Amino acid sequence: QVQLVESGGGLVQSGDSLRLSCAASGGTFSIIAAGWFRQAPGKEREFVAAIHWSGATYYADSVKGRFTISRAKNALYLQMNNLKPEDTAVYYCTADPRLNSVLNGVGSWGQGTQVTIST
């Protein structure tokens, strides 16, 4: 089973950019699906973006045009541009051999990285 460790979170102002990274180990990361979820205080964890091993990408409507998901051999990235206060959340990396498991949030998880957007 793959192990995931997120990094890159922080405190930025509205309109700024951040790039999250997720380092993968212990599995064949390049042939599985991976993605990002986020959880804001008092809210349920929600889907942000996913990428299939084929390169196909999927985004939540709330981040389309602002966020870009990409991957390397043993890493996953989330480039976040034009950040808004409502993007404030803990961001989690997830991965699974099955794309549907990633999209439904039932794959393996990292520990999360905090992203805070100030006005």
Protein backbone atom coordinates (compact mmCIF):
# COMPACT_ATOMS: atom_id res chain seq x y z
CA GLN A 1 0.00 0.00 0.00
CA VAL A 2 1.33 3.41 -0.94
CA GLN A 3 2.29 5.92 1.78
CA LEU A 4 1.55 9.59 1.13
CA VAL A 5 3.06 12.73 2.68
CA GLU A 6 1.77 16.20 1.79
CA SER A 7 3.67 19.46 1.98
CA GLY A 8 3.50 23.02 0.68
CA GLY A 9 0.65 24.45 2.67
CA GLY A 10 0.80 27.82 4.37
CA LEU A 11 -0.77 31.20 4.98
CA VAL A 12 -1.18 33.42 1.91
CA GLN A 13 -3.35 36.34 0.87
CA SER A 14 -6.37 36.26 -1.39
CA GLY A 15 -5.26 36.16 -5.02
CA ASP A 16 -1.93 34.49 -4.26
CA SER A 17 -0.73 31.08 -5.43
CA LEU A 18 0.49 27.94 -3.67
CA ARG A 19 1.81 24.63 -4.90
CA LEU A 20 1.07 21.54 -2.85
CA SER A 21 3.16 18.41 -3.15
CA CYS A 22 2.49 14.82 -2.17
CA ALA A 23 5.40 12.39 -1.94
CA ALA A 24 4.51 8.74 -2.50
CA SER A 25 6.41 5.66 -1.36
CA GLY A 26 5.86 1.97 -0.87
CA GLY A 27 3.90 1.29 -4.04
CA THR A 28 3.79 1.66 -7.81
CA PHE A 29 2.45 5.20 -7.80
CA SER A 30 2.80 5.75 -11.53
CA ILE A 31 0.08 3.26 -12.47
CA ILE A 32 -2.62 4.28 -10.08
CA ALA A 33 -5.05 7.14 -9.77
CA ALA A 34 -4.39 9.99 -7.33
CA GLY A 35 -6.11 13.11 -6.18
CA TRP A 36 -6.66 15.88 -3.69
CA PHE A 37 -9.47 16.46 -1.21
CA ARG A 38 -9.90 19.23 1.31
CA GLN A 39 -11.73 19.72 4.59
CA ALA A 40 -12.66 23.09 6.00
CA PRO A 41 -13.50 23.56 9.69
CA GLY A 42 -16.96 22.23 10.44
CA LYS A 43 -17.41 20.81 6.96
CA GLU A 44 -17.12 17.41 5.35
CA ARG A 45 -14.10 16.42 3.31
CA GLU A 46 -14.71 17.34 -0.34
CA PHE A 47 -13.21 16.37 -3.67
CA VAL A 48 -10.86 18.89 -5.29
CA ALA A 49 -9.07 17.21 -8.19
CA ALA A 50 -7.92 13.81 -9.48
CA ILE A 51 -5.63 12.43 -12.13
CA HIS A 52 -5.66 9.00 -13.75
CA TRP A 53 -2.46 7.17 -14.70
CA SER A 54 -3.43 7.89 -18.33
CA GLY A 55 -3.21 11.61 -17.63
CA ALA A 56 -6.93 12.32 -17.60
CA THR A 57 -7.82 14.97 -15.02
CA TYR A 58 -10.94 15.78 -13.06
CA TYR A 59 -11.81 18.92 -11.08
CA ALA A 60 -14.47 20.17 -8.73
CA ASP A 61 -16.44 23.04 -10.27
CA SER A 62 -15.27 25.36 -7.50
CA VAL A 63 -11.61 25.07 -8.56
CA LYS A 64 -11.83 24.70 -12.35
CA GLY A 65 -9.64 27.24 -14.09
CA ARG A 66 -7.72 28.03 -10.89
CA PHE A 67 -6.20 24.71 -9.78
CA THR A 68 -4.07 22.30 -11.82
CA ILE A 69 -3.27 18.75 -10.79
CA SER A 70 -0.16 17.02 -12.12
CA ARG A 71 2.04 14.08 -11.26
CA ALA A 72 5.59 12.80 -11.53
CA LYS A 73 6.88 9.28 -10.99
CA ASN A 74 6.45 9.29 -7.21
CA ALA A 75 4.77 12.61 -6.56
CA LEU A 76 1.53 14.45 -6.97
CA TYR A 77 1.14 18.20 -7.22
CA LEU A 78 -1.64 20.75 -6.95
CA GLN A 79 -0.93 24.20 -8.35
CA MET A 80 -3.43 26.60 -6.83
CA ASN A 81 -3.79 30.07 -8.36
CA ASN A 82 -6.05 33.01 -7.54
CA LEU A 83 -6.72 31.61 -4.08
CA LYS A 84 -9.83 32.70 -2.24
CA PRO A 85 -10.70 32.69 1.47
CA GLU A 86 -13.15 29.82 0.81
CA ASP A 87 -10.19 27.68 -0.28
CA THR A 88 -9.02 27.63 3.34
CA ALA A 89 -8.89 23.99 4.45
CA VAL A 90 -6.67 21.05 5.26
CA TYR A 91 -5.70 19.49 1.94
CA TYR A 92 -5.26 15.73 1.70
CA CYS A 93 -3.58 13.61 -0.93
CA THR A 94 -5.20 10.31 -1.85
CA ALA A 95 -4.34 7.41 -4.15
CA ASP A 96 -5.78 4.07 -5.22
CA PRO A 97 -5.44 1.64 -8.13
CA ARG A 98 -9.03 2.44 -9.05
CA LEU A 99 -10.05 5.88 -10.25
CA ASN A 100 -13.53 5.57 -8.75
CA SER A 101 -12.03 4.95 -5.33
CA VAL A 102 -10.08 8.19 -5.60
CA LEU A 103 -13.07 10.16 -6.86
CA ASN A 104 -15.19 8.79 -4.01
CA GLY A 105 -12.53 9.37 -1.38
CA VAL A 106 -11.99 5.76 -0.30
CA GLY A 107 -8.32 5.34 -1.21
CA SER A 108 -5.17 5.74 0.91
CA TRP A 109 -4.67 9.12 2.63
CA GLY A 110 -1.85 11.38 3.69
CA GLN A 111 -1.88 13.35 6.94
CA GLY A 112 -2.90 16.64 5.31
CA THR A 113 -1.41 20.10 4.95
CA GLN A 114 -3.08 23.31 6.12
CA VAL A 115 -3.85 26.03 3.59
CA THR A 116 -5.10 29.36 4.94
CA ILE A 117 -6.14 32.27 2.75
CA SER A 118 -6.46 35.69 4.35
CA THR A 119 -8.49 38.56 2.93
